[in-house]
Amino acid sequence: MILIIAEVADFDQFLKTFSTKGVKKREEHGCKGSWVFRDPDDPNRVWAVFDWQLEDYDKFLADPEIPAIAAELGVRGAPLMAAPVARFDS
């Protein structure tokens, strides 16, 4: 699992692109699913959780089409990846 935190210019535009072009591109790179959460304290901050292997995520980031998709998402600045510290089965 990968958790990304990002600031977006327009949440509705972000969600539209994330759920269309984003899905297709993530699937190409082995992503098995994603969840988007909107920060309750900041409507322009999103938390995205991905069912994804880190190696595949790195390949996704290296894809030459990603900068254009990120621009369409309206991401402000570089998204932050939260480092995992523990895993529990329940």
PDB file of N, CA and C in Angstrom:
ATOM      1  N   MET A   1       0.843  -1.173   0.000  1.00  0.00           N
ATOM      2  CA  MET A   1       0.000   0.000   0.000  1.00  0.00           C
ATOM      3  C   MET A   1       0.893   1.243   0.000  1.00  0.00           C
ATOM      4  N   ILE A   2       0.441   2.230  -0.724  1.00  0.00           N
ATOM      5  CA  ILE A   2       1.163   3.496  -0.814  1.00  0.00           C
ATOM      6  C   ILE A   2       0.177   4.612  -0.482  1.00  0.00           C
ATOM      7  N   LEU A   3       0.591   5.547   0.366  1.00  0.00           N
ATOM      8  CA  LEU A   3      -0.232   6.701   0.722  1.00  0.00           C
ATOM      9  C   LEU A   3       0.446   7.954   0.196  1.00  0.00           C
ATOM     10  N   ILE A   4      -0.297   8.710  -0.622  1.00  0.00           N
ATOM     11  CA  ILE A   4       0.197   9.958  -1.190  1.00  0.00           C
ATOM     12  C   ILE A   4      -0.699  11.097  -0.706  1.00  0.00           C
ATOM     13  N   ILE A   5      -0.085  12.202  -0.315  1.00  0.00           N
ATOM     14  CA  ILE A   5      -0.816  13.394   0.105  1.00  0.00           C
ATOM     15  C   ILE A   5      -0.467  14.497  -0.882  1.00  0.00           C
ATOM     16  N   ALA A   6      -1.503  15.170  -1.410  1.00  0.00           N
ATOM     17  CA  ALA A   6      -1.258  16.203  -2.421  1.00  0.00           C
ATOM     18  C   ALA A   6      -2.216  17.369  -2.246  1.00  0.00           C
ATOM     19  N   GLU A   7      -1.752  18.527  -2.669  1.00  0.00           N
ATOM     20  CA  GLU A   7      -2.585  19.730  -2.748  1.00  0.00           C
ATOM     21  C   GLU A   7      -3.073  19.838  -4.191  1.00  0.00           C
ATOM     22  N   VAL A   8      -4.354  20.126  -4.376  1.00  0.00           N
ATOM     23  CA  VAL A   8      -4.912  20.248  -5.724  1.00  0.00           C
ATOM     24  C   VAL A   8      -5.588  21.604  -5.892  1.00  0.00           C
ATOM     25  N   ALA A   9      -5.582  22.098  -7.116  1.00  0.00           N
ATOM     26  CA  ALA A   9      -6.187  23.399  -7.403  1.00  0.00           C
ATOM     27  C   ALA A   9      -7.710  23.334  -7.373  1.00  0.00           C
ATOM     28  N   ASP A  10      -8.278  22.246  -7.899  1.00  0.00           N
ATOM     29  CA  ASP A  10      -9.732  22.097  -8.015  1.00  0.00           C
ATOM     30  C   ASP A  10     -10.062  20.630  -7.773  1.00  0.00           C
ATOM     31  N   PHE A  11     -10.712  20.339  -6.658  1.00  0.00           N
ATOM     32  CA  PHE A  11     -10.979  18.951  -6.294  1.00  0.00           C
ATOM     33  C   PHE A  11     -11.795  18.220  -7.351  1.00  0.00           C
ATOM     34  N   ASP A  12     -12.824  18.857  -7.891  1.00  0.00           N
ATOM     35  CA  ASP A  12     -13.671  18.191  -8.880  1.00  0.00           C
ATOM     36  C   ASP A  12     -12.880  17.818 -10.135  1.00  0.00           C
ATOM     37  N   GLN A  13     -12.018  18.724 -10.598  1.00  0.00           N
ATOM     38  CA  GLN A  13     -11.176  18.430 -11.758  1.00  0.00           C
ATOM     39  C   GLN A  13     -10.207  17.298 -11.428  1.00  0.00           C
ATOM     40  N   PHE A  14      -9.627  17.348 -10.239  1.00  0.00           N
ATOM     41  CA  PHE A  14      -8.729  16.281  -9.806  1.00  0.00           C
ATOM     42  C   PHE A  14      -9.434  14.926  -9.876  1.00  0.00           C
ATOM     43  N   LEU A  15     -10.613  14.839  -9.275  1.00  0.00           N
ATOM     44  CA  LEU A  15     -11.333  13.570  -9.212  1.00  0.00           C
ATOM     45  C   LEU A  15     -11.729  13.083 -10.604  1.00  0.00           C
ATOM     46  N   LYS A  16     -12.119  14.007 -11.482  1.00  0.00           N
ATOM     47  CA  LYS A  16     -12.486  13.631 -12.851  1.00  0.00           C
ATOM     48  C   LYS A  16     -11.298  12.983 -13.572  1.00  0.00           C
ATOM     49  N   THR A  17     -10.148  13.590 -13.502  1.00  0.00           N
ATOM     50  CA  THR A  17      -8.961  13.054 -14.181  1.00  0.00           C
ATOM     51  C   THR A  17      -8.440  11.807 -13.472  1.00  0.00           C
ATOM     52  N   PHE A  18      -8.433  11.813 -12.148  1.00  0.00           N
ATOM     53  CA  PHE A  18      -7.953  10.671 -11.365  1.00  0.00           C
ATOM     54  C   PHE A  18      -8.757   9.419 -11.696  1.00  0.00           C
ATOM     55  N   SER A  19     -10.072   9.587 -11.905  1.00  0.00           N
ATOM     56  CA  SER A  19     -10.958   8.442 -12.117  1.00  0.00           C
ATOM     57  C   SER A  19     -11.066   8.014 -13.582  1.00  0.00           C
ATOM     58  N   THR A  20     -10.404   8.710 -14.483  1.00  0.00           N
ATOM     59  CA  THR A  20     -10.450   8.332 -15.900  1.00  0.00           C
ATOM     60  C   THR A  20      -9.033   8.068 -16.411  1.00  0.00           C
ATOM     61  N   LYS A  21      -8.352   9.098 -16.837  1.00  0.00           N
ATOM     62  CA  LYS A  21      -6.980   8.935 -17.350  1.00  0.00           C
ATOM     63  C   LYS A  21      -6.062   8.320 -16.306  1.00  0.00           C
ATOM     64  N   GLY A  22      -6.246   8.719 -15.066  1.00  0.00           N
ATOM     65  CA  GLY A  22      -5.404   8.195 -13.993  1.00  0.00           C
ATOM     66  C   GLY A  22      -5.570   6.696 -13.811  1.00  0.00           C
ATOM     67  N   VAL A  23      -6.814   6.216 -13.836  1.00  0.00           N
ATOM     68  CA  VAL A  23      -7.071   4.783 -13.674  1.00  0.00           C
ATOM     69  C   VAL A  23      -6.365   3.991 -14.769  1.00  0.00           C
ATOM     70  N   LYS A  24      -6.529   4.421 -15.994  1.00  0.00           N
ATOM     71  CA  LYS A  24      -5.915   3.697 -17.110  1.00  0.00           C
ATOM     72  C   LYS A  24      -4.398   3.628 -16.971  1.00  0.00           C
ATOM     73  N   LYS A  25      -3.783   4.751 -16.642  1.00  0.00           N
ATOM     74  CA  LYS A  25      -2.327   4.787 -16.543  1.00  0.00           C
ATOM     75  C   LYS A  25      -1.851   3.971 -15.336  1.00  0.00           C
ATOM     76  N   ARG A  26      -2.562   4.047 -14.205  1.00  0.00           N
ATOM     77  CA  ARG A  26      -2.163   3.255 -13.038  1.00  0.00           C
ATOM     78  C   ARG A  26      -2.279   1.765 -13.318  1.00  0.00           C
ATOM     79  N   GLU A  27      -3.344   1.362 -14.008  1.00  0.00           N
ATOM     80  CA  GLU A  27      -3.512  -0.052 -14.362  1.00  0.00           C
ATOM     81  C   GLU A  27      -2.370  -0.546 -15.236  1.00  0.00           C
ATOM     82  N   GLU A  28      -1.916   0.287 -16.157  1.00  0.00           N
ATOM     83  CA  GLU A  28      -0.782  -0.081 -17.020  1.00  0.00           C
ATOM     84  C   GLU A  28       0.455  -0.417 -16.204  1.00  0.00           C
ATOM     85  N   HIS A  29       0.548   0.165 -15.027  1.00  0.00           N
ATOM     86  CA  HIS A  29       1.727  -0.015 -14.185  1.00  0.00           C
ATOM     87  C   HIS A  29       1.445  -0.879 -12.951  1.00  0.00           C
ATOM     88  N   GLY A  30       0.415  -1.706 -13.016  1.00  0.00           N
ATOM     89  CA  GLY A  30       0.194  -2.720 -11.993  1.00  0.00           C
ATOM     90  C   GLY A  30      -0.569  -2.315 -10.751  1.00  0.00           C
ATOM     91  N   CYS A  31      -1.153  -1.135 -10.727  1.00  0.00           N
ATOM     92  CA  CYS A  31      -1.940  -0.728  -9.567  1.00  0.00           C
ATOM     93  C   CYS A  31      -3.216  -1.570  -9.510  1.00  0.00           C
ATOM     94  N   LYS A  32      -3.543  -2.085  -8.327  1.00  0.00           N
ATOM     95  CA  LYS A  32      -4.710  -2.956  -8.166  1.00  0.00           C
ATOM     96  C   LYS A  32      -5.938  -2.231  -7.626  1.00  0.00           C
ATOM     97  N   GLY A  33      -5.791  -0.959  -7.298  1.00  0.00           N
ATOM     98  CA  GLY A  33      -6.926  -0.202  -6.790  1.00  0.00           C
ATOM     99  C   GLY A  33      -6.458   1.039  -6.061  1.00  0.00           C
ATOM    100  N   SER A  34      -7.394   1.954  -5.835  1.00  0.00           N
ATOM    101  CA  SER A  34      -7.050   3.183  -5.129  1.00  0.00           C
ATOM    102  C   SER A  34      -8.273   3.737  -4.410  1.00  0.00           C
ATOM    103  N   TRP A  35      -8.003   4.516  -3.395  1.00  0.00           N
ATOM    104  CA  TRP A  35      -9.022   5.194  -2.619  1.00  0.00           C
ATOM    105  C   TRP A  35      -8.590   6.636  -2.473  1.00  0.00           C
ATOM    106  N   VAL A  36      -9.527   7.558  -2.606  1.00  0.00           N
ATOM    107  CA  VAL A  36      -9.228   8.980  -2.440  1.00  0.00           C
ATOM    108  C   VAL A  36     -10.014   9.490  -1.234  1.00  0.00           C
ATOM    109  N   PHE A  37      -9.319  10.219  -0.380  1.00  0.00           N
ATOM    110  CA  PHE A  37      -9.937  10.850   0.778  1.00  0.00           C
ATOM    111  C   PHE A  37      -9.679  12.343   0.682  1.00  0.00           C
ATOM    112  N   ARG A  38     -10.660  13.114   1.069  1.00  0.00           N
ATOM    113  CA  ARG A  38     -10.504  14.566   1.098  1.00  0.00           C
ATOM    114  C   ARG A  38     -10.209  14.978   2.532  1.00  0.00           C
ATOM    115  N   ASP A  39      -9.176  15.741   2.726  1.00  0.00           N
ATOM    116  CA  ASP A  39      -8.771  16.178   4.059  1.00  0.00           C
ATOM    117  C   ASP A  39      -9.909  16.998   4.680  1.00  0.00           C
ATOM    118  N   PRO A  40     -10.354  16.646   5.887  1.00  0.00           N
ATOM    119  CA  PRO A  40     -11.466  17.390   6.488  1.00  0.00           C
ATOM    120  C   PRO A  40     -11.104  18.814   6.889  1.00  0.00           C
ATOM    121  N   ASP A  41      -9.808  19.118   6.992  1.00  0.00           N
ATOM    122  CA  ASP A  41      -9.386  20.460   7.385  1.00  0.00           C
ATOM    123  C   ASP A  41      -8.972  21.338   6.212  1.00  0.00           C
ATOM    124  N   ASP A  42      -8.853  20.741   5.021  1.00  0.00           N
ATOM    125  CA  ASP A  42      -8.409  21.495   3.841  1.00  0.00           C
ATOM    126  C   ASP A  42      -9.032  20.868   2.597  1.00  0.00           C
ATOM    127  N   PRO A  43     -10.036  21.513   2.004  1.00  0.00           N
ATOM    128  CA  PRO A  43     -10.737  20.929   0.859  1.00  0.00           C
ATOM    129  C   PRO A  43      -9.866  20.759  -0.390  1.00  0.00           C
ATOM    130  N   ASN A  44      -8.681  21.364  -0.405  1.00  0.00           N
ATOM    131  CA  ASN A  44      -7.774  21.216  -1.552  1.00  0.00           C
ATOM    132  C   ASN A  44      -6.651  20.223  -1.281  1.00  0.00           C
ATOM    133  N   ARG A  45      -6.732  19.500  -0.168  1.00  0.00           N
ATOM    134  CA  ARG A  45      -5.734  18.463   0.129  1.00  0.00           C
ATOM    135  C   ARG A  45      -6.417  17.105   0.008  1.00  0.00           C
ATOM    136  N   VAL A  46      -5.775  16.216  -0.746  1.00  0.00           N
ATOM    137  CA  VAL A  46      -6.303  14.868  -0.912  1.00  0.00           C
ATOM    138  C   VAL A  46      -5.294  13.847  -0.393  1.00  0.00           C
ATOM    139  N   TRP A  47      -5.834  12.755   0.061  1.00  0.00           N
ATOM    140  CA  TRP A  47      -5.044  11.616   0.506  1.00  0.00           C
ATOM    141  C   TRP A  47      -5.444  10.471  -0.421  1.00  0.00           C
ATOM    142  N   ALA A  48      -4.496   9.903  -1.114  1.00  0.00           N
ATOM    143  CA  ALA A  48      -4.781   8.790  -2.017  1.00  0.00           C
ATOM    144  C   ALA A  48      -4.014   7.561  -1.535  1.00  0.00           C
ATOM    145  N   VAL A  49      -4.738   6.467  -1.397  1.00  0.00           N
ATOM    146  CA  VAL A  49      -4.149   5.203  -0.968  1.00  0.00           C
ATOM    147  C   VAL A  49      -4.209   4.257  -2.161  1.00  0.00           C
ATOM    148  N   PHE A  50      -3.079   3.649  -2.459  1.00  0.00           N
ATOM    149  CA  PHE A  50      -2.972   2.771  -3.623  1.00  0.00           C
ATOM    150  C   PHE A  50      -2.581   1.361  -3.206  1.00  0.00           C
ATOM    151  N   ASP A  51      -3.222   0.380  -3.797  1.00  0.00           N
ATOM    152  CA  ASP A  51      -2.821  -1.019  -3.660  1.00  0.00           C
ATOM    153  C   ASP A  51      -1.814  -1.265  -4.782  1.00  0.00           C
ATOM    154  N   TRP A  52      -0.526  -1.061  -4.458  1.00  0.00           N
ATOM    155  CA  TRP A  52       0.497  -0.988  -5.483  1.00  0.00           C
ATOM    156  C   TRP A  52       1.839  -1.394  -4.898  1.00  0.00           C
ATOM    157  N   GLN A  53       2.611  -2.105  -5.666  1.00  0.00           N
ATOM    158  CA  GLN A  53       3.982  -2.428  -5.267  1.00  0.00           C
ATOM    159  C   GLN A  53       4.859  -1.204  -5.547  1.00  0.00           C
ATOM    160  N   LEU A  54       5.784  -0.935  -4.659  1.00  0.00           N
ATOM    161  CA  LEU A  54       6.629   0.247  -4.783  1.00  0.00           C
ATOM    162  C   LEU A  54       7.415   0.254  -6.095  1.00  0.00           C
ATOM    163  N   GLU A  55       7.895  -0.921  -6.540  1.00  0.00           N
ATOM    164  CA  GLU A  55       8.655  -0.982  -7.803  1.00  0.00           C
ATOM    165  C   GLU A  55       7.788  -0.530  -8.980  1.00  0.00           C
ATOM    166  N   ASP A  56       6.518  -0.961  -8.975  1.00  0.00           N
ATOM    167  CA  ASP A  56       5.607  -0.577 -10.060  1.00  0.00           C
ATOM    168  C   ASP A  56       5.261   0.904  -9.986  1.00  0.00           C
ATOM    169  N   TYR A  57       5.139   1.432  -8.768  1.00  0.00           N
ATOM    170  CA  TYR A  57       4.872   2.855  -8.594  1.00  0.00           C
ATOM    171  C   TYR A  57       6.037   3.683  -9.136  1.00  0.00           C
ATOM    172  N   ASP A  58       7.245   3.237  -8.883  1.00  0.00           N
ATOM    173  CA  ASP A  58       8.424   3.944  -9.399  1.00  0.00           C
ATOM    174  C   ASP A  58       8.429   3.954 -10.927  1.00  0.00           C
ATOM    175  N   LYS A  59       8.019   2.855 -11.552  1.00  0.00           N
ATOM    176  CA  LYS A  59       7.936   2.792 -13.020  1.00  0.00           C
ATOM    177  C   LYS A  59       6.846   3.740 -13.528  1.00  0.00           C
ATOM    178  N   PHE A  60       5.750   3.814 -12.789  1.00  0.00           N
ATOM    179  CA  PHE A  60       4.663   4.736 -13.121  1.00  0.00           C
ATOM    180  C   PHE A  60       5.181   6.176 -13.125  1.00  0.00           C
ATOM    181  N   LEU A  61       5.924   6.542 -12.085  1.00  0.00           N
ATOM    182  CA  LEU A  61       6.452   7.904 -12.000  1.00  0.00           C
ATOM    183  C   LEU A  61       7.406   8.224 -13.146  1.00  0.00           C
ATOM    184  N   ALA A  62       8.097   7.213 -13.655  1.00  0.00           N
ATOM    185  CA  ALA A  62       9.050   7.416 -14.755  1.00  0.00           C
ATOM    186  C   ALA A  62       8.371   7.455 -16.125  1.00  0.00           C
ATOM    187  N   ASP A  63       7.087   7.150 -16.192  1.00  0.00           N
ATOM    188  CA  ASP A  63       6.361   7.148 -17.465  1.00  0.00           C
ATOM    189  C   ASP A  63       6.330   8.577 -18.020  1.00  0.00           C
ATOM    190  N   PRO A  64       6.704   8.776 -19.284  1.00  0.00           N
ATOM    191  CA  PRO A  64       6.754  10.131 -19.847  1.00  0.00           C
ATOM    192  C   PRO A  64       5.399  10.823 -19.959  1.00  0.00           C
ATOM    193  N   GLU A  65       4.294  10.090 -19.838  1.00  0.00           N
ATOM    194  CA  GLU A  65       2.968  10.709 -19.906  1.00  0.00           C
ATOM    195  C   GLU A  65       2.505  11.274 -18.561  1.00  0.00           C
ATOM    196  N   ILE A  66       3.193  10.935 -17.486  1.00  0.00           N
ATOM    197  CA  ILE A  66       2.748  11.337 -16.148  1.00  0.00           C
ATOM    198  C   ILE A  66       2.759  12.852 -15.925  1.00  0.00           C
ATOM    199  N   PRO A  67       3.763  13.610 -16.374  1.00  0.00           N
ATOM    200  CA  PRO A  67       3.708  15.060 -16.139  1.00  0.00           C
ATOM    201  C   PRO A  67       2.450  15.726 -16.716  1.00  0.00           C
ATOM    202  N   ALA A  68       2.019  15.310 -17.889  1.00  0.00           N
ATOM    203  CA  ALA A  68       0.810  15.901 -18.483  1.00  0.00           C
ATOM    204  C   ALA A  68      -0.434  15.521 -17.681  1.00  0.00           C
ATOM    205  N   ILE A  69      -0.505  14.283 -17.223  1.00  0.00           N
ATOM    206  CA  ILE A  69      -1.647  13.850 -16.414  1.00  0.00           C
ATOM    207  C   ILE A  69      -1.646  14.592 -15.080  1.00  0.00           C
ATOM    208  N   ALA A  70      -0.477  14.755 -14.469  1.00  0.00           N
ATOM    209  CA  ALA A  70      -0.376  15.484 -13.201  1.00  0.00           C
ATOM    210  C   ALA A  70      -0.830  16.933 -13.377  1.00  0.00           C
ATOM    211  N   ALA A  71      -0.472  17.534 -14.501  1.00  0.00           N
ATOM    212  CA  ALA A  71      -0.913  18.908 -14.772  1.00  0.00           C
ATOM    213  C   ALA A  71      -2.427  18.970 -14.885  1.00  0.00           C
ATOM    214  N   GLU A  72      -3.026  17.980 -15.545  1.00  0.00           N
ATOM    215  CA  GLU A  72      -4.484  17.943 -15.682  1.00  0.00           C
ATOM    216  C   GLU A  72      -5.161  17.681 -14.335  1.00  0.00           C
ATOM    217  N   LEU A  73      -4.486  16.930 -13.465  1.00  0.00           N
ATOM    218  CA  LEU A  73      -5.009  16.698 -12.119  1.00  0.00           C
ATOM    219  C   LEU A  73      -5.049  17.992 -11.309  1.00  0.00           C
ATOM    220  N   GLY A  74      -4.204  18.949 -11.670  1.00  0.00           N
ATOM    221  CA  GLY A  74      -4.131  20.209 -10.940  1.00  0.00           C
ATOM    222  C   GLY A  74      -3.364  20.090  -9.640  1.00  0.00           C
ATOM    223  N   VAL A  75      -2.412  19.160  -9.600  1.00  0.00           N
ATOM    224  CA  VAL A  75      -1.600  18.985  -8.390  1.00  0.00           C
ATOM    225  C   VAL A  75      -0.674  20.176  -8.220  1.00  0.00           C
ATOM    226  N   ARG A  76      -0.679  20.747  -7.029  1.00  0.00           N
ATOM    227  CA  ARG A  76       0.187  21.885  -6.700  1.00  0.00           C
ATOM    228  C   ARG A  76       1.422  21.369  -5.978  1.00  0.00           C
ATOM    229  N   GLY A  77       2.572  21.594  -6.544  1.00  0.00           N
ATOM    230  CA  GLY A  77       3.797  21.133  -5.903  1.00  0.00           C
ATOM    231  C   GLY A  77       3.952  19.629  -6.004  1.00  0.00           C
ATOM    232  N   ALA A  78       4.965  19.141  -5.343  1.00  0.00           N
ATOM    233  CA  ALA A  78       5.247  17.706  -5.373  1.00  0.00           C
ATOM    234  C   ALA A  78       4.401  16.985  -4.319  1.00  0.00           C
ATOM    235  N   PRO A  79       3.695  15.933  -4.722  1.00  0.00           N
ATOM    236  CA  PRO A  79       2.959  15.134  -3.734  1.00  0.00           C
ATOM    237  C   PRO A  79       3.936  14.499  -2.740  1.00  0.00           C
ATOM    238  N   LEU A  80       3.450  14.243  -1.547  1.00  0.00           N
ATOM    239  CA  LEU A  80       4.263  13.619  -0.505  1.00  0.00           C
ATOM    240  C   LEU A  80       3.843  12.172  -0.319  1.00  0.00           C
ATOM    241  N   MET A  81       4.829  11.287  -0.177  1.00  0.00           N
ATOM    242  CA  MET A  81       4.536   9.899   0.117  1.00  0.00           C
ATOM    243  C   MET A  81       4.775   9.682   1.610  1.00  0.00           C
ATOM    244  N   ALA A  82       3.768   9.135   2.281  1.00  0.00           N
ATOM    245  CA  ALA A  82       3.920   8.805   3.697  1.00  0.00           C
ATOM    246  C   ALA A  82       4.661   7.483   3.805  1.00  0.00           C
ATOM    247  N   ALA A  83       5.679   7.446   4.626  1.00  0.00           N
ATOM    248  CA  ALA A  83       6.469   6.234   4.795  1.00  0.00           C
ATOM    249  C   ALA A  83       5.731   5.244   5.702  1.00  0.00           C
ATOM    250  N   PRO A  84       5.615   4.010   5.263  1.00  0.00           N
ATOM    251  CA  PRO A  84       4.978   3.004   6.120  1.00  0.00           C
ATOM    252  C   PRO A  84       5.879   2.673   7.308  1.00  0.00           C
ATOM    253  N   VAL A  85       5.282   2.485   8.456  1.00  0.00           N
ATOM    254  CA  VAL A  85       6.083   2.164   9.638  1.00  0.00           C
ATOM    255  C   VAL A  85       5.741   0.800  10.233  1.00  0.00           C
ATOM    256  N   ALA A  86       4.569   0.267   9.897  1.00  0.00           N
ATOM    257  CA  ALA A  86       4.175  -1.050  10.422  1.00  0.00           C
ATOM    258  C   ALA A  86       3.025  -1.594   9.601  1.00  0.00           C
ATOM    259  N   ARG A  87       2.889  -2.930   9.605  1.00  0.00           N
ATOM    260  CA  ARG A  87       1.769  -3.595   8.937  1.00  0.00           C
ATOM    261  C   ARG A  87       1.193  -4.609   9.897  1.00  0.00           C
ATOM    262  N   PHE A  88      -0.141  -4.649   9.975  1.00  0.00           N
ATOM    263  CA  PHE A  88      -0.838  -5.593  10.826  1.00  0.00           C
ATOM    264  C   PHE A  88      -1.925  -6.276  10.007  1.00  0.00           C
ATOM    265  N   ASP A  89      -2.184  -7.533  10.278  1.00  0.00           N
ATOM    266  CA  ASP A  89      -3.191  -8.277   9.519  1.00  0.00           C
ATOM    267  C   ASP A  89      -4.620  -7.951   9.932  1.00  0.00           C
ATOM    268  N   SER A  90      -4.800  -7.378  11.101  1.00  0.00           N
ATOM    269  CA  SER A  90      -6.149  -6.974  11.504  1.00  0.00           C
ATOM    270  C   SER A  90      -6.079  -5.849  12.498  1.00  0.00           C
TER     271      SER A  90
END
